Amino acid sequence: VVTDPSDLLAFGEGFHTDLTYLQNPPRAAILVSRKLSPPGTGDTLFVDAFALAATLPPELRARAAGRHALHTDKAGRNATHPVLRVVSGRPALWVNRHFARRLASDGDESPADAALLEELLAHIDAATAGRVPGAELLRIDWHSAGDVVMWDERATQHAAVHDYAGHGREMHRVLLASLGGDDDAEISPTCSGDADAGVAPHCSGDADAGV
């Protein structure tokens, strides 16, 4: 994953889960720093997808329960996944602005479905902007070449921070394959959950994230 000094955008900006347009997206990811941008720049942010689900307003969570979303990429690959995906018995909010295009249905997207998806995405926007208590961010501060971070793709969303224009960076990423059908299940509107914290080196933040 290379960012050149002339690049206006960096790979991975905006909160997302990797490759959700695949029917069996990666189960986990490993990121290794090789060439870093100047100190204090290029952080990676994480938010806990369990906390995103748990902090949904009850009425919104009730409308999202049992629904699926269609995820696509620019090449036309697509897959459907539960909006509230159960991982190890806990619901995680599993839509993102990178790939979730619409809620799945037998016909054309209805205005109500479009509004529901936007409400869910807006909840993620608010959480990652620090406006949702209980869904705080975890910030990874890359200190030196060779730093390693591993996370559960099913239980988190992440975003790269591109605040180093004019400088380059190189990271190596490994995606660990899903076995297929990992813990997916339908859930009721009353489900909630919390995540066990897994804190990586060189971290600051207060999220109970699978990082």
Protein backbone atom coordinates (compact mmCIF):
# COMPACT_ATOMS: atom_id res chain seq x y z
CA VAL A 1 0.00 0.00 0.00
CA VAL A 2 2.01 2.96 -1.33
CA THR A 3 1.22 6.68 -1.13
CA ASP A 4 3.42 8.88 -3.34
CA PRO A 5 4.28 12.48 -2.39
CA SER A 6 2.16 13.76 -5.29
CA ASP A 7 -0.97 11.75 -4.39
CA LEU A 8 -4.00 13.85 -3.45
CA LEU A 9 -5.69 10.89 -1.73
CA ALA A 10 -4.31 7.98 0.25
CA PHE A 11 -5.45 4.37 0.04
CA GLY A 12 -7.95 3.57 2.78
CA GLU A 13 -9.30 7.03 3.64
CA GLY A 14 -12.83 7.00 5.06
CA PHE A 15 -14.14 4.47 7.56
CA HIS A 16 -14.74 1.03 6.08
CA THR A 17 -14.27 -2.71 6.42
CA ASP A 18 -12.10 -4.26 3.72
CA LEU A 19 -13.58 -5.99 0.68
CA THR A 20 -17.18 -6.24 1.86
CA TYR A 21 -18.21 -6.55 -1.79
CA LEU A 22 -17.03 -10.20 -1.54
CA GLN A 23 -19.40 -12.86 -0.25
CA ASN A 24 -16.66 -14.02 2.13
CA PRO A 25 -14.71 -10.87 3.07
CA PRO A 26 -11.46 -11.18 5.02
CA ARG A 27 -11.74 -12.30 8.62
CA ALA A 28 -8.73 -10.27 9.81
CA ALA A 29 -5.97 -8.01 8.53
CA ILE A 30 -2.33 -7.30 9.36
CA LEU A 31 -0.67 -3.99 8.50
CA VAL A 32 3.11 -3.54 8.69
CA SER A 33 4.85 -0.17 8.34
CA ARG A 34 7.80 -0.10 5.94
CA LYS A 35 8.34 3.58 5.11
CA LEU A 36 6.63 6.17 7.30
CA SER A 37 5.49 9.73 6.78
CA PRO A 38 6.82 12.41 9.18
CA PRO A 39 6.25 11.80 12.92
CA GLY A 40 2.77 12.66 14.11
CA THR A 41 1.16 12.04 10.71
CA GLY A 42 -0.39 9.07 8.94
CA ASP A 43 -2.29 7.61 11.88
CA THR A 44 -4.80 4.80 11.40
CA LEU A 45 -8.18 5.15 13.14
CA PHE A 46 -10.46 2.34 14.33
CA VAL A 47 -14.02 2.24 15.59
CA ASP A 48 -15.66 -0.73 17.28
CA ALA A 49 -18.50 -2.16 15.14
CA PHE A 50 -20.06 -3.77 18.23
CA ALA A 51 -20.26 -0.34 19.88
CA LEU A 52 -21.72 1.12 16.69
CA ALA A 53 -24.56 -1.42 16.92
CA ALA A 54 -25.04 -1.03 20.66
CA THR A 55 -25.34 2.76 20.42
CA LEU A 56 -27.99 2.76 17.69
CA PRO A 57 -31.24 4.36 18.85
CA PRO A 58 -33.67 1.52 19.68
CA GLU A 59 -36.13 2.50 16.95
CA LEU A 60 -33.37 2.58 14.33
CA ARG A 61 -31.98 -0.74 15.50
CA ALA A 62 -35.46 -2.27 15.28
CA ARG A 63 -35.85 -1.13 11.66
CA ALA A 64 -32.37 -2.46 10.77
CA ALA A 65 -32.87 -5.88 12.36
CA GLY A 66 -33.19 -8.66 9.80
CA ARG A 67 -32.22 -6.43 6.86
CA HIS A 68 -29.38 -7.03 4.41
CA ALA A 69 -27.33 -4.54 2.40
CA LEU A 70 -25.88 -4.85 -1.08
CA HIS A 71 -22.14 -4.07 -1.18
CA THR A 72 -20.46 -3.37 -4.53
CA ASP A 73 -17.13 -2.11 -5.88
CA LYS A 74 -16.25 -0.16 -9.03
CA ALA A 75 -15.56 -3.38 -10.92
CA GLY A 76 -19.12 -4.56 -10.36
CA ARG A 77 -18.37 -7.27 -7.82
CA ASN A 78 -21.15 -7.49 -5.25
CA ALA A 79 -22.39 -9.36 -2.22
CA THR A 80 -25.13 -9.03 0.37
CA HIS A 81 -24.49 -9.05 4.12
CA PRO A 82 -26.66 -8.56 7.21
CA VAL A 83 -26.83 -4.93 8.31
CA LEU A 84 -26.42 -6.19 11.87
CA ARG A 85 -23.96 -9.05 11.60
CA VAL A 86 -23.57 -11.41 14.55
CA VAL A 87 -19.96 -12.19 15.45
CA SER A 88 -19.35 -14.54 18.40
CA GLY A 89 -22.90 -13.92 19.55
CA ARG A 90 -22.68 -10.11 19.43
CA PRO A 91 -24.22 -7.79 16.80
CA ALA A 92 -21.90 -5.53 14.79
CA LEU A 93 -23.08 -2.72 12.51
CA TRP A 94 -21.90 -3.86 9.11
CA VAL A 95 -22.44 -1.13 6.51
CA ASN A 96 -19.93 1.44 5.28
CA ARG A 97 -19.85 4.32 2.80
CA HIS A 98 -17.16 2.67 0.66
CA PHE A 99 -19.21 -0.31 -0.45
CA ALA A 100 -22.78 -0.45 0.97
CA ARG A 101 -24.92 0.85 -1.90
CA ARG A 102 -28.50 0.02 -0.89
CA LEU A 103 -30.58 -2.27 1.25
CA ALA A 104 -31.34 -5.57 -0.42
CA SER A 105 -34.91 -6.16 -1.57
CA ASP A 106 -36.81 -8.04 -4.25
CA GLY A 107 -37.56 -4.89 -6.23
CA ASP A 108 -36.22 -1.38 -6.70
CA GLU A 109 -34.93 0.50 -3.70
CA SER A 110 -37.73 2.29 -1.88
CA PRO A 111 -37.34 5.80 -0.45
CA ALA A 112 -37.79 4.32 3.03
CA ASP A 113 -34.95 1.85 2.49
CA ALA A 114 -32.67 4.57 1.11
CA ALA A 115 -33.44 6.72 4.14
CA LEU A 116 -32.77 3.82 6.53
CA LEU A 117 -29.36 3.12 5.02
CA GLU A 118 -28.45 6.81 5.19
CA GLU A 119 -29.50 6.93 8.85
CA LEU A 120 -27.22 3.99 9.61
CA LEU A 121 -24.31 5.55 7.74
CA ALA A 122 -24.95 8.89 9.44
CA HIS A 123 -24.75 7.13 12.82
CA ILE A 124 -21.28 5.87 11.85
CA ASP A 125 -20.31 9.38 10.69
CA ALA A 126 -21.41 10.82 14.03
CA ALA A 127 -19.57 8.13 16.00
CA THR A 128 -16.32 8.59 14.10
CA ALA A 129 -16.62 12.36 14.59
CA GLY A 130 -16.77 11.81 18.35
CA ARG A 131 -20.46 12.64 18.78
CA VAL A 132 -21.72 9.24 20.02
CA PRO A 133 -20.80 8.35 23.62
CA GLY A 134 -19.82 4.72 23.90
CA ALA A 135 -18.39 4.49 20.38
CA GLU A 136 -15.04 6.20 20.81
CA LEU A 137 -12.12 5.94 18.40
CA LEU A 138 -8.84 4.10 18.77
CA ARG A 139 -5.87 5.86 17.14
CA ILE A 140 -2.77 3.98 16.00
CA ASP A 141 0.32 6.19 15.96
CA TRP A 142 2.95 4.56 13.74
CA HIS A 143 6.33 5.11 15.41
CA SER A 144 8.88 3.22 13.33
CA ALA A 145 9.32 0.93 10.35
CA GLY A 146 8.35 -2.60 11.32
CA ASP A 147 5.42 -1.65 13.57
CA VAL A 148 2.63 -4.21 13.18
CA VAL A 149 -1.12 -3.93 13.83
CA MET A 150 -3.59 -6.79 13.45
CA TRP A 151 -7.38 -6.42 13.67
CA ASP A 152 -10.63 -8.33 13.36
CA GLU A 153 -12.28 -7.18 10.13
CA ARG A 154 -15.66 -8.46 11.34
CA ALA A 155 -15.65 -6.34 14.49
CA THR A 156 -14.15 -2.99 13.43
CA GLN A 157 -14.08 -0.26 10.82
CA HIS A 158 -10.88 1.63 10.08
CA ALA A 159 -9.66 4.67 8.18
CA ALA A 160 -6.30 6.01 7.05
CA VAL A 161 -5.46 9.64 7.87
CA HIS A 162 -3.78 11.43 4.95
CA ASP A 163 -2.25 14.48 6.61
CA TYR A 164 1.20 14.18 5.06
CA ALA A 165 0.81 15.72 1.58
CA GLY A 166 4.17 16.03 -0.14
CA HIS A 167 5.55 12.96 1.63
CA GLY A 168 5.47 9.29 0.72
CA ARG A 169 4.57 6.21 2.74
CA GLU A 170 4.68 2.45 2.21
CA MET A 171 2.75 -0.17 4.21
CA HIS A 172 2.42 -3.90 3.64
CA ARG A 173 -1.03 -5.41 4.17
CA VAL A 174 -2.00 -9.06 4.63
CA LEU A 175 -5.66 -10.10 4.57
CA LEU A 176 -6.61 -13.34 6.32
CA ALA A 177 -9.30 -15.30 4.52
CA SER A 178 -12.70 -15.99 6.00
CA LEU A 179 -13.83 -19.59 6.28
CA GLY A 180 -17.24 -18.51 5.01
CA GLY A 181 -20.35 -17.91 7.07
CA ASP A 182 -18.35 -16.83 10.11
CA ASP A 183 -20.93 -16.33 12.87
CA ASP A 184 -23.51 -14.70 10.60
CA ALA A 185 -27.07 -14.86 11.92
CA GLU A 186 -30.29 -12.93 12.00
CA ILE A 187 -30.82 -10.91 15.18
CA SER A 188 -33.78 -9.36 16.92
CA PRO A 189 -34.28 -5.63 17.52
CA THR A 190 -33.46 -6.12 21.21
CA CYS A 191 -29.93 -7.47 20.68
CA SER A 192 -26.98 -5.50 22.02
CA GLY A 193 -23.38 -6.22 22.74
CA ASP A 194 -20.02 -4.96 23.84
CA ALA A 195 -16.50 -5.78 22.70
CA ASP A 196 -13.46 -7.07 24.53
CA ALA A 197 -10.58 -4.62 24.23
CA GLY A 198 -7.42 -5.70 22.43
CA VAL A 199 -4.91 -2.86 22.59
CA ALA A 200 -2.08 -2.70 20.07
CA PRO A 201 1.33 -1.14 20.69
CA HIS A 202 1.65 2.62 20.23
CA CYS A 203 -2.06 3.28 20.69
CA SER A 204 -4.02 6.14 22.14
CA GLY A 205 -7.78 6.20 22.53
CA ASP A 206 -10.61 4.69 24.46
CA ALA A 207 -12.39 2.25 22.14
CA ASP A 208 -13.29 -1.33 23.03
CA ALA A 209 -12.17 -2.46 19.59
CA GLY A 210 -11.02 -5.72 18.09
CA VAL A 211 -7.59 -4.27 17.32
